[in-house]
Amino acid sequence: MTESEARDPLQIRDEARAAATIAGQLVERGIRIFGSESPDELGDLLTEVERFERAVADLGADSMRNAPDSAMPEDRRLVIPERLDDESVVRYAARVNAAAEVLRKAR
């Protein structure tokens, strides 16, 4: 019996719902999701995106003006990096974290 066969179907359903909710939150923030991300990866990515958003807010910047789809952001550093076509979620989360760290040091 494989691990997935041994897991509770309700737990699997709940994890899928949670992953869909997190994916929706990320998409609303302008983050590209490819559909191959695991629930854990999505959770980790959301954590990094929220850290980036806090770093922007700590600088007093306007999150709407610095949204990924903004034509005229205050400063490009205040816009969350775009996920590349071939970029793994782990690599992208690391880039988002690095961008947040740059902002934290700018305070």
PDB file of N, CA and C in Angstrom:
ATOM      1  N   MET A   1       0.836  -1.172   0.000  1.00  0.00           N
ATOM      2  CA  MET A   1       0.000   0.000   0.000  1.00  0.00           C
ATOM      3  C   MET A   1       0.894   1.252   0.000  1.00  0.00           C
ATOM      4  N   THR A   2       0.604   2.191  -0.894  1.00  0.00           N
ATOM      5  CA  THR A   2       1.385   3.421  -0.959  1.00  0.00           C
ATOM      6  C   THR A   2       0.915   4.391   0.121  1.00  0.00           C
ATOM      7  N   GLU A   3       1.718   5.422   0.343  1.00  0.00           N
ATOM      8  CA  GLU A   3       1.379   6.419   1.367  1.00  0.00           C
ATOM      9  C   GLU A   3       0.045   7.089   1.047  1.00  0.00           C
ATOM     10  N   SER A   4      -0.183   7.439  -0.238  1.00  0.00           N
ATOM     11  CA  SER A   4      -1.432   8.116  -0.580  1.00  0.00           C
ATOM     12  C   SER A   4      -2.637   7.203  -0.395  1.00  0.00           C
ATOM     13  N   GLU A   5      -2.468   5.893  -0.605  1.00  0.00           N
ATOM     14  CA  GLU A   5      -3.573   4.969  -0.392  1.00  0.00           C
ATOM     15  C   GLU A   5      -3.890   4.830   1.092  1.00  0.00           C
ATOM     16  N   ALA A   6      -2.891   4.986   1.953  1.00  0.00           N
ATOM     17  CA  ALA A   6      -3.075   4.829   3.391  1.00  0.00           C
ATOM     18  C   ALA A   6      -3.644   6.088   4.033  1.00  0.00           C
ATOM     19  N   ARG A   7      -3.606   7.211   3.345  1.00  0.00           N
ATOM     20  CA  ARG A   7      -4.078   8.472   3.909  1.00  0.00           C
ATOM     21  C   ARG A   7      -5.598   8.532   3.922  1.00  0.00           C
ATOM     22  N   ASP A   8      -6.104   9.245   4.857  1.00  0.00           N
ATOM     23  CA  ASP A   8      -7.533   9.451   5.021  1.00  0.00           C
ATOM     24  C   ASP A   8      -8.065  10.292   3.853  1.00  0.00           C
ATOM     25  N   PRO A   9      -9.108   9.829   3.174  1.00  0.00           N
ATOM     26  CA  PRO A   9      -9.666  10.600   2.056  1.00  0.00           C
ATOM     27  C   PRO A   9     -10.130  11.997   2.469  1.00  0.00           C
ATOM     28  N   LEU A  10     -10.613  12.142   3.687  1.00  0.00           N
ATOM     29  CA  LEU A  10     -11.025  13.467   4.153  1.00  0.00           C
ATOM     30  C   LEU A  10      -9.829  14.400   4.312  1.00  0.00           C
ATOM     31  N   GLN A  11      -8.721  13.839   4.766  1.00  0.00           N
ATOM     32  CA  GLN A  11      -7.506  14.643   4.895  1.00  0.00           C
ATOM     33  C   GLN A  11      -7.024  15.078   3.506  1.00  0.00           C
ATOM     34  N   ILE A  12      -7.072  14.177   2.565  1.00  0.00           N
ATOM     35  CA  ILE A  12      -6.664  14.507   1.199  1.00  0.00           C
ATOM     36  C   ILE A  12      -7.552  15.617   0.643  1.00  0.00           C
ATOM     37  N   ARG A  13      -8.854  15.490   0.858  1.00  0.00           N
ATOM     38  CA  ARG A  13      -9.793  16.512   0.383  1.00  0.00           C
ATOM     39  C   ARG A  13      -9.516  17.854   1.047  1.00  0.00           C
ATOM     40  N   ASP A  14      -9.283  17.844   2.365  1.00  0.00           N
ATOM     41  CA  ASP A  14      -9.013  19.084   3.088  1.00  0.00           C
ATOM     42  C   ASP A  14      -7.720  19.744   2.616  1.00  0.00           C
ATOM     43  N   GLU A  15      -6.697  18.937   2.360  1.00  0.00           N
ATOM     44  CA  GLU A  15      -5.437  19.482   1.852  1.00  0.00           C
ATOM     45  C   GLU A  15      -5.631  20.099   0.474  1.00  0.00           C
ATOM     46  N   ALA A  16      -6.418  19.441  -0.361  1.00  0.00           N
ATOM     47  CA  ALA A  16      -6.681  19.973  -1.704  1.00  0.00           C
ATOM     48  C   ALA A  16      -7.435  21.298  -1.617  1.00  0.00           C
ATOM     49  N   ARG A  17      -8.402  21.386  -0.721  1.00  0.00           N
ATOM     50  CA  ARG A  17      -9.143  22.641  -0.536  1.00  0.00           C
ATOM     51  C   ARG A  17      -8.228  23.751  -0.032  1.00  0.00           C
ATOM     52  N   ALA A  18      -7.386  23.413   0.942  1.00  0.00           N
ATOM     53  CA  ALA A  18      -6.458  24.406   1.480  1.00  0.00           C
ATOM     54  C   ALA A  18      -5.499  24.889   0.390  1.00  0.00           C
ATOM     55  N   ALA A  19      -4.988  23.949  -0.408  1.00  0.00           N
ATOM     56  CA  ALA A  19      -4.068  24.319  -1.489  1.00  0.00           C
ATOM     57  C   ALA A  19      -4.767  25.220  -2.503  1.00  0.00           C
ATOM     58  N   ALA A  20      -6.020  24.915  -2.825  1.00  0.00           N
ATOM     59  CA  ALA A  20      -6.770  25.741  -3.772  1.00  0.00           C
ATOM     60  C   ALA A  20      -6.997  27.141  -3.207  1.00  0.00           C
ATOM     61  N   THR A  21      -7.282  27.225  -1.920  1.00  0.00           N
ATOM     62  CA  THR A  21      -7.478  28.525  -1.278  1.00  0.00           C
ATOM     63  C   THR A  21      -6.189  29.348  -1.313  1.00  0.00           C
ATOM     64  N   ILE A  22      -5.086  28.712  -0.961  1.00  0.00           N
ATOM     65  CA  ILE A  22      -3.790  29.405  -0.978  1.00  0.00           C
ATOM     66  C   ILE A  22      -3.428  29.825  -2.392  1.00  0.00           C
ATOM     67  N   ALA A  23      -3.631  28.938  -3.358  1.00  0.00           N
ATOM     68  CA  ALA A  23      -3.342  29.281  -4.753  1.00  0.00           C
ATOM     69  C   ALA A  23      -4.166  30.487  -5.178  1.00  0.00           C
ATOM     70  N   GLY A  24      -5.430  30.524  -4.787  1.00  0.00           N
ATOM     71  CA  GLY A  24      -6.275  31.670  -5.111  1.00  0.00           C
ATOM     72  C   GLY A  24      -5.763  32.959  -4.493  1.00  0.00           C
ATOM     73  N   GLN A  25      -5.302  32.884  -3.248  1.00  0.00           N
ATOM     74  CA  GLN A  25      -4.747  34.064  -2.591  1.00  0.00           C
ATOM     75  C   GLN A  25      -3.507  34.565  -3.330  1.00  0.00           C
ATOM     76  N   LEU A  26      -2.683  33.643  -3.767  1.00  0.00           N
ATOM     77  CA  LEU A  26      -1.474  34.031  -4.496  1.00  0.00           C
ATOM     78  C   LEU A  26      -1.821  34.652  -5.843  1.00  0.00           C
ATOM     79  N   VAL A  27      -2.747  34.036  -6.560  1.00  0.00           N
ATOM     80  CA  VAL A  27      -3.157  34.567  -7.868  1.00  0.00           C
ATOM     81  C   VAL A  27      -3.744  35.974  -7.702  1.00  0.00           C
ATOM     82  N   GLU A  28      -4.555  36.187  -6.659  1.00  0.00           N
ATOM     83  CA  GLU A  28      -5.113  37.524  -6.402  1.00  0.00           C
ATOM     84  C   GLU A  28      -4.021  38.562  -6.186  1.00  0.00           C
ATOM     85  N   ARG A  29      -2.875  38.125  -5.703  1.00  0.00           N
ATOM     86  CA  ARG A  29      -1.753  39.034  -5.474  1.00  0.00           C
ATOM     87  C   ARG A  29      -0.871  39.179  -6.718  1.00  0.00           C
ATOM     88  N   GLY A  30      -1.251  38.534  -7.796  1.00  0.00           N
ATOM     89  CA  GLY A  30      -0.504  38.651  -9.037  1.00  0.00           C
ATOM     90  C   GLY A  30       0.617  37.639  -9.181  1.00  0.00           C
ATOM     91  N   ILE A  31       0.595  36.583  -8.376  1.00  0.00           N
ATOM     92  CA  ILE A  31       1.638  35.555  -8.424  1.00  0.00           C
ATOM     93  C   ILE A  31       1.209  34.454  -9.378  1.00  0.00           C
ATOM     94  N   ARG A  32       2.099  34.071 -10.259  1.00  0.00           N
ATOM     95  CA  ARG A  32       1.803  33.005 -11.216  1.00  0.00           C
ATOM     96  C   ARG A  32       1.892  31.642 -10.543  1.00  0.00           C
ATOM     97  N   ILE A  33       0.848  30.854 -10.733  1.00  0.00           N
ATOM     98  CA  ILE A  33       0.791  29.485 -10.231  1.00  0.00           C
ATOM     99  C   ILE A  33       0.641  28.571 -11.442  1.00  0.00           C
ATOM    100  N   PHE A  34       1.432  27.509 -11.486  1.00  0.00           N
ATOM    101  CA  PHE A  34       1.427  26.617 -12.642  1.00  0.00           C
ATOM    102  C   PHE A  34       0.572  25.375 -12.452  1.00  0.00           C
ATOM    103  N   GLY A  35       0.189  25.071 -11.213  1.00  0.00           N
ATOM    104  CA  GLY A  35      -0.638  23.904 -10.951  1.00  0.00           C
ATOM    105  C   GLY A  35       0.136  22.671 -10.534  1.00  0.00           C
ATOM    106  N   SER A  36       1.442  22.734 -10.617  1.00  0.00           N
ATOM    107  CA  SER A  36       2.274  21.591 -10.230  1.00  0.00           C
ATOM    108  C   SER A  36       2.815  21.727  -8.809  1.00  0.00           C
ATOM    109  N   GLU A  37       2.495  22.823  -8.144  1.00  0.00           N
ATOM    110  CA  GLU A  37       3.000  23.088  -6.806  1.00  0.00           C
ATOM    111  C   GLU A  37       2.279  22.198  -5.783  1.00  0.00           C
ATOM    112  N   SER A  38       3.028  21.709  -4.825  1.00  0.00           N
ATOM    113  CA  SER A  38       2.430  20.912  -3.754  1.00  0.00           C
ATOM    114  C   SER A  38       1.765  21.854  -2.747  1.00  0.00           C
ATOM    115  N   PRO A  39       0.862  21.321  -1.916  1.00  0.00           N
ATOM    116  CA  PRO A  39       0.273  22.168  -0.873  1.00  0.00           C
ATOM    117  C   PRO A  39       1.332  22.807   0.035  1.00  0.00           C
ATOM    118  N   ASP A  40       2.355  22.053   0.395  1.00  0.00           N
ATOM    119  CA  ASP A  40       3.419  22.604   1.237  1.00  0.00           C
ATOM    120  C   ASP A  40       4.165  23.727   0.528  1.00  0.00           C
ATOM    121  N   GLU A  41       4.451  23.538  -0.749  1.00  0.00           N
ATOM    122  CA  GLU A  41       5.146  24.581  -1.511  1.00  0.00           C
ATOM    123  C   GLU A  41       4.292  25.845  -1.587  1.00  0.00           C
ATOM    124  N   LEU A  42       2.994  25.681  -1.806  1.00  0.00           N
ATOM    125  CA  LEU A  42       2.112  26.848  -1.861  1.00  0.00           C
ATOM    126  C   LEU A  42       2.098  27.584  -0.526  1.00  0.00           C
ATOM    127  N   GLY A  43       2.045  26.835   0.560  1.00  0.00           N
ATOM    128  CA  GLY A  43       2.072  27.458   1.884  1.00  0.00           C
ATOM    129  C   GLY A  43       3.358  28.215   2.133  1.00  0.00           C
ATOM    130  N   ASP A  44       4.472  27.607   1.755  1.00  0.00           N
ATOM    131  CA  ASP A  44       5.774  28.271   1.922  1.00  0.00           C
ATOM    132  C   ASP A  44       5.853  29.537   1.065  1.00  0.00           C
ATOM    133  N   LEU A  45       5.332  29.450  -0.153  1.00  0.00           N
ATOM    134  CA  LEU A  45       5.357  30.612  -1.031  1.00  0.00           C
ATOM    135  C   LEU A  45       4.495  31.734  -0.463  1.00  0.00           C
ATOM    136  N   LEU A  46       3.314  31.403   0.040  1.00  0.00           N
ATOM    137  CA  LEU A  46       2.456  32.429   0.634  1.00  0.00           C
ATOM    138  C   LEU A  46       3.168  33.108   1.814  1.00  0.00           C
ATOM    139  N   THR A  47       3.878  32.344   2.603  1.00  0.00           N
ATOM    140  CA  THR A  47       4.634  32.920   3.717  1.00  0.00           C
ATOM    141  C   THR A  47       5.648  33.938   3.214  1.00  0.00           C
ATOM    142  N   GLU A  48       6.382  33.597   2.156  1.00  0.00           N
ATOM    143  CA  GLU A  48       7.385  34.520   1.611  1.00  0.00           C
ATOM    144  C   GLU A  48       6.737  35.754   0.999  1.00  0.00           C
ATOM    145  N   VAL A  49       5.614  35.576   0.319  1.00  0.00           N
ATOM    146  CA  VAL A  49       4.902  36.713  -0.272  1.00  0.00           C
ATOM    147  C   VAL A  49       4.425  37.652   0.836  1.00  0.00           C
ATOM    148  N   GLU A  50       3.909  37.098   1.910  1.00  0.00           N
ATOM    149  CA  GLU A  50       3.455  37.930   3.028  1.00  0.00           C
ATOM    150  C   GLU A  50       4.620  38.670   3.675  1.00  0.00           C
ATOM    151  N   ARG A  51       5.784  38.040   3.765  1.00  0.00           N
ATOM    152  CA  ARG A  51       6.974  38.733   4.297  1.00  0.00           C
ATOM    153  C   ARG A  51       7.357  39.907   3.409  1.00  0.00           C
ATOM    154  N   PHE A  52       7.298  39.687   2.097  1.00  0.00           N
ATOM    155  CA  PHE A  52       7.602  40.761   1.160  1.00  0.00           C
ATOM    156  C   PHE A  52       6.602  41.905   1.340  1.00  0.00           C
ATOM    157  N   GLU A  53       5.330  41.573   1.437  1.00  0.00           N
ATOM    158  CA  GLU A  53       4.298  42.600   1.602  1.00  0.00           C
ATOM    159  C   GLU A  53       4.495  43.385   2.897  1.00  0.00           C
ATOM    160  N   ARG A  54       4.888  42.701   3.971  1.00  0.00           N
ATOM    161  CA  ARG A  54       5.161  43.398   5.235  1.00  0.00           C
ATOM    162  C   ARG A  54       6.349  44.351   5.083  1.00  0.00           C
ATOM    163  N   ALA A  55       7.374  43.903   4.365  1.00  0.00           N
ATOM    164  CA  ALA A  55       8.549  44.753   4.164  1.00  0.00           C
ATOM    165  C   ALA A  55       8.167  46.009   3.380  1.00  0.00           C
ATOM    166  N   VAL A  56       7.306  45.871   2.384  1.00  0.00           N
ATOM    167  CA  VAL A  56       6.823  47.023   1.614  1.00  0.00           C
ATOM    168  C   VAL A  56       6.018  47.951   2.528  1.00  0.00           C
ATOM    169  N   ALA A  57       5.118  47.376   3.306  1.00  0.00           N
ATOM    170  CA  ALA A  57       4.288  48.174   4.220  1.00  0.00           C
ATOM    171  C   ALA A  57       5.137  48.889   5.263  1.00  0.00           C
ATOM    172  N   ASP A  58       6.171  48.226   5.754  1.00  0.00           N
ATOM    173  CA  ASP A  58       7.049  48.838   6.757  1.00  0.00           C
ATOM    174  C   ASP A  58       7.762  50.072   6.217  1.00  0.00           C
ATOM    175  N   LEU A  59       7.895  50.139   4.902  1.00  0.00           N
ATOM    176  CA  LEU A  59       8.507  51.316   4.276  1.00  0.00           C
ATOM    177  C   LEU A  59       7.471  52.407   4.009  1.00  0.00           C
ATOM    178  N   GLY A  60       6.209  52.119   4.320  1.00  0.00           N
ATOM    179  CA  GLY A  60       5.144  53.098   4.107  1.00  0.00           C
ATOM    180  C   GLY A  60       4.687  53.189   2.666  1.00  0.00           C
ATOM    181  N   ALA A  61       5.001  52.199   1.867  1.00  0.00           N
ATOM    182  CA  ALA A  61       4.652  52.225   0.449  1.00  0.00           C
ATOM    183  C   ALA A  61       3.211  51.772   0.229  1.00  0.00           C
ATOM    184  N   ASP A  62       2.647  52.208  -0.857  1.00  0.00           N
ATOM    185  CA  ASP A  62       1.272  51.895  -1.237  1.00  0.00           C
ATOM    186  C   ASP A  62       1.239  50.568  -1.995  1.00  0.00           C
ATOM    187  N   SER A  63       0.570  49.569  -1.421  1.00  0.00           N
ATOM    188  CA  SER A  63       0.549  48.245  -2.051  1.00  0.00           C
ATOM    189  C   SER A  63      -0.213  48.243  -3.372  1.00  0.00           C
ATOM    190  N   MET A  64      -1.196  49.106  -3.529  1.00  0.00           N
ATOM    191  CA  MET A  64      -1.936  49.159  -4.796  1.00  0.00           C
ATOM    192  C   MET A  64      -1.079  49.790  -5.894  1.00  0.00           C
ATOM    193  N   ARG A  65      -0.369  50.826  -5.554  1.00  0.00           N
ATOM    194  CA  ARG A  65       0.470  51.502  -6.551  1.00  0.00           C
ATOM    195  C   ARG A  65       1.661  50.631  -6.954  1.00  0.00           C
ATOM    196  N   ASN A  66       2.062  49.722  -6.073  1.00  0.00           N
ATOM    197  CA  ASN A  66       3.222  48.878  -6.334  1.00  0.00           C
ATOM    198  C   ASN A  66       2.832  47.428  -6.614  1.00  0.00           C
ATOM    199  N   ALA A  67       1.618  47.219  -7.079  1.00  0.00           N
ATOM    200  CA  ALA A  67       1.144  45.881  -7.433  1.00  0.00           C
ATOM    201  C   ALA A  67       1.857  45.398  -8.692  1.00  0.00           C
ATOM    202  N   PRO A  68       1.927  44.080  -8.889  1.00  0.00           N
ATOM    203  CA  PRO A  68       2.616  43.559 -10.085  1.00  0.00           C
ATOM    204  C   PRO A  68       2.079  44.108 -11.408  1.00  0.00           C
ATOM    205  N   ASP A  69       0.798  44.462 -11.446  1.00  0.00           N
ATOM    206  CA  ASP A  69       0.223  44.969 -12.694  1.00  0.00           C
ATOM    207  C   ASP A  69       0.233  46.494 -12.784  1.00  0.00           C
ATOM    208  N   SER A  70       0.910  47.152 -11.868  1.00  0.00           N
ATOM    209  CA  SER A  70       0.972  48.606 -11.857  1.00  0.00           C
ATOM    210  C   SER A  70       1.842  49.124 -12.996  1.00  0.00           C
ATOM    211  N   ALA A  71       1.324  50.103 -13.715  1.00  0.00           N
ATOM    212  CA  ALA A  71       2.078  50.697 -14.825  1.00  0.00           C
ATOM    213  C   ALA A  71       3.143  51.671 -14.340  1.00  0.00           C
ATOM    214  N   MET A  72       2.913  52.291 -13.156  1.00  0.00           N
ATOM    215  CA  MET A  72       3.842  53.288 -12.652  1.00  0.00           C
ATOM    216  C   MET A  72       4.092  53.094 -11.158  1.00  0.00           C
ATOM    217  N   PRO A  73       4.843  52.060 -10.791  1.00  0.00           N
ATOM    218  CA  PRO A  73       5.127  51.870  -9.360  1.00  0.00           C
ATOM    219  C   PRO A  73       6.024  52.980  -8.824  1.00  0.00           C
ATOM    220  N   GLU A  74       5.964  53.175  -7.508  1.00  0.00           N
ATOM    221  CA  GLU A  74       6.826  54.169  -6.854  1.00  0.00           C
ATOM    222  C   GLU A  74       8.291  53.820  -7.077  1.00  0.00           C
ATOM    223  N   ASP A  75       8.582  52.544  -6.955  1.00  0.00           N
ATOM    224  CA  ASP A  75       9.948  52.036  -7.041  1.00  0.00           C
ATOM    225  C   ASP A  75       9.844  50.559  -7.416  1.00  0.00           C
ATOM    226  N   ARG A  76      10.553  50.131  -8.420  1.00  0.00           N
ATOM    227  CA  ARG A  76      10.455  48.734  -8.878  1.00  0.00           C
ATOM    228  C   ARG A  76      10.815  47.743  -7.773  1.00  0.00           C
ATOM    229  N   ARG A  77      11.648  48.145  -6.820  1.00  0.00           N
ATOM    230  CA  ARG A  77      11.997  47.251  -5.711  1.00  0.00           C
ATOM    231  C   ARG A  77      10.801  46.943  -4.829  1.00  0.00           C
ATOM    232  N   LEU A  78       9.775  47.794  -4.882  1.00  0.00           N
ATOM    233  CA  LEU A  78       8.584  47.613  -4.066  1.00  0.00           C
ATOM    234  C   LEU A  78       7.547  46.705  -4.729  1.00  0.00           C
ATOM    235  N   VAL A  79       7.841  46.264  -5.942  1.00  0.00           N
ATOM    236  CA  VAL A  79       6.957  45.359  -6.681  1.00  0.00           C
ATOM    237  C   VAL A  79       7.511  43.950  -6.535  1.00  0.00           C
ATOM    238  N   ILE A  80       6.664  43.025  -6.138  1.00  0.00           N
ATOM    239  CA  ILE A  80       7.116  41.651  -5.946  1.00  0.00           C
ATOM    240  C   ILE A  80       7.679  41.110  -7.261  1.00  0.00           C
ATOM    241  N   PRO A  81       8.795  40.395  -7.207  1.00  0.00           N
ATOM    242  CA  PRO A  81       9.375  39.859  -8.441  1.00  0.00           C
ATOM    243  C   PRO A  81       8.382  38.954  -9.187  1.00  0.00           C
ATOM    244  N   GLU A  82       8.480  38.962 -10.484  1.00  0.00           N
ATOM    245  CA  GLU A  82       7.622  38.103 -11.311  1.00  0.00           C
ATOM    246  C   GLU A  82       8.219  36.696 -11.364  1.00  0.00           C
ATOM    247  N   ARG A  83       7.370  35.703 -11.317  1.00  0.00           N
ATOM    248  CA  ARG A  83       7.822  34.314 -11.422  1.00  0.00           C
ATOM    249  C   ARG A  83       8.073  33.992 -12.892  1.00  0.00           C
ATOM    250  N   LEU A  84       9.218  33.423 -13.152  1.00  0.00           N
ATOM    251  CA  LEU A  84       9.609  33.088 -14.514  1.00  0.00           C
ATOM    252  C   LEU A  84       8.921  31.811 -14.980  1.00  0.00           C
ATOM    253  N   ASP A  85       8.826  31.645 -16.295  1.00  0.00           N
ATOM    254  CA  ASP A  85       8.129  30.493 -16.875  1.00  0.00           C
ATOM    255  C   ASP A  85       8.670  29.151 -16.405  1.00  0.00           C
ATOM    256  N   ASP A  86       9.970  29.052 -16.268  1.00  0.00           N
ATOM    257  CA  ASP A  86      10.591  27.768 -15.917  1.00  0.00           C
ATOM    258  C   ASP A  86      11.078  27.720 -14.467  1.00  0.00           C
ATOM    259  N   GLU A  87      10.581  28.635 -13.650  1.00  0.00           N
ATOM    260  CA  GLU A  87      11.089  28.760 -12.283  1.00  0.00           C
ATOM    261  C   GLU A  87      10.302  27.873 -11.310  1.00  0.00           C
ATOM    262  N   SER A  88      11.034  27.082 -10.562  1.00  0.00           N
ATOM    263  CA  SER A  88      10.392  26.252  -9.538  1.00  0.00           C
ATOM    264  C   SER A  88       9.854  27.150  -8.443  1.00  0.00           C
ATOM    265  N   VAL A  89       8.873  26.643  -7.721  1.00  0.00           N
ATOM    266  CA  VAL A  89       8.296  27.422  -6.632  1.00  0.00           C
ATOM    267  C   VAL A  89       9.336  27.655  -5.536  1.00  0.00           C
ATOM    268  N   VAL A  90      10.215  26.692  -5.319  1.00  0.00           N
ATOM    269  CA  VAL A  90      11.257  26.847  -4.296  1.00  0.00           C
ATOM    270  C   VAL A  90      12.222  27.973  -4.681  1.00  0.00           C
ATOM    271  N   ARG A  91      12.648  27.992  -5.913  1.00  0.00           N
ATOM    272  CA  ARG A  91      13.559  29.048  -6.371  1.00  0.00           C
ATOM    273  C   ARG A  91      12.869  30.409  -6.345  1.00  0.00           C
ATOM    274  N   TYR A  92      11.621  30.447  -6.765  1.00  0.00           N
ATOM    275  CA  TYR A  92      10.882  31.710  -6.761  1.00  0.00           C
ATOM    276  C   TYR A  92      10.703  32.229  -5.328  1.00  0.00           C
ATOM    277  N   ALA A  93      10.324  31.356  -4.406  1.00  0.00           N
ATOM    278  CA  ALA A  93      10.158  31.761  -3.008  1.00  0.00           C
ATOM    279  C   ALA A  93      11.461  32.332  -2.461  1.00  0.00           C
ATOM    280  N   ALA A  94      12.583  31.748  -2.851  1.00  0.00           N
ATOM    281  CA  ALA A  94      13.880  32.252  -2.402  1.00  0.00           C
ATOM    282  C   ALA A  94      14.147  33.648  -2.966  1.00  0.00           C
ATOM    283  N   ARG A  95      13.761  33.882  -4.213  1.00  0.00           N
ATOM    284  CA  ARG A  95      13.942  35.225  -4.796  1.00  0.00           C
ATOM    285  C   ARG A  95      13.058  36.256  -4.112  1.00  0.00           C
ATOM    286  N   VAL A  96      11.826  35.858  -3.789  1.00  0.00           N
ATOM    287  CA  VAL A  96      10.919  36.767  -3.089  1.00  0.00           C
ATOM    288  C   VAL A  96      11.493  37.099  -1.713  1.00  0.00           C
ATOM    289  N   ASN A  97      12.010  36.089  -1.037  1.00  0.00           N
ATOM    290  CA  ASN A  97      12.624  36.306   0.272  1.00  0.00           C
ATOM    291  C   ASN A  97      13.807  37.253   0.160  1.00  0.00           C
ATOM    292  N   ALA A  98      14.644  37.072  -0.848  1.00  0.00           N
ATOM    293  CA  ALA A  98      15.808  37.941  -1.040  1.00  0.00           C
ATOM    294  C   ALA A  98      15.370  39.378  -1.312  1.00  0.00           C
ATOM    295  N   ALA A  99      14.313  39.554  -2.093  1.00  0.00           N
ATOM    296  CA  ALA A  99      13.799  40.900  -2.375  1.00  0.00           C
ATOM    297  C   ALA A  99      13.262  41.545  -1.099  1.00  0.00           C
ATOM    298  N   ALA A 100      12.596  40.764  -0.269  1.00  0.00           N
ATOM    299  CA  ALA A 100      12.099  41.289   1.003  1.00  0.00           C
ATOM    300  C   ALA A 100      13.254  41.689   1.909  1.00  0.00           C
ATOM    301  N   GLU A 101      14.310  40.904   1.893  1.00  0.00           N
ATOM    302  CA  GLU A 101      15.478  41.215   2.725  1.00  0.00           C
ATOM    303  C   GLU A 101      16.119  42.535   2.298  1.00  0.00           C
ATOM    304  N   VAL A 102      16.176  42.792   1.004  1.00  0.00           N
ATOM    305  CA  VAL A 102      16.707  44.066   0.504  1.00  0.00           C
ATOM    306  C   VAL A 102      15.873  45.223   1.048  1.00  0.00           C
ATOM    307  N   LEU A 103      14.546  45.054   1.040  1.00  0.00           N
ATOM    308  CA  LEU A 103      13.667  46.101   1.555  1.00  0.00           C
ATOM    309  C   LEU A 103      13.821  46.282   3.060  1.00  0.00           C
ATOM    310  N   ARG A 104      13.963  45.186   3.781  1.00  0.00           N
ATOM    311  CA  ARG A 104      14.134  45.286   5.237  1.00  0.00           C
ATOM    312  C   ARG A 104      15.415  46.049   5.579  1.00  0.00           C
ATOM    313  N   LYS A 105      16.453  45.832   4.803  1.00  0.00           N
ATOM    314  CA  LYS A 105      17.721  46.532   5.051  1.00  0.00           C
ATOM    315  C   LYS A 105      17.641  48.000   4.680  1.00  0.00           C
ATOM    316  N   ALA A 106      16.687  48.364   3.820  1.00  0.00           N
ATOM    317  CA  ALA A 106      16.541  49.747   3.377  1.00  0.00           C
ATOM    318  C   ALA A 106      15.845  50.621   4.417  1.00  0.00           C
ATOM    319  N   ARG A 107      15.287  50.017   5.442  1.00  0.00           N
ATOM    320  CA  ARG A 107      14.564  50.806   6.460  1.00  0.00           C
ATOM    321  C   ARG A 107      15.465  51.702   7.215  1.00  0.00           C
TER     322      ARG A 107
END
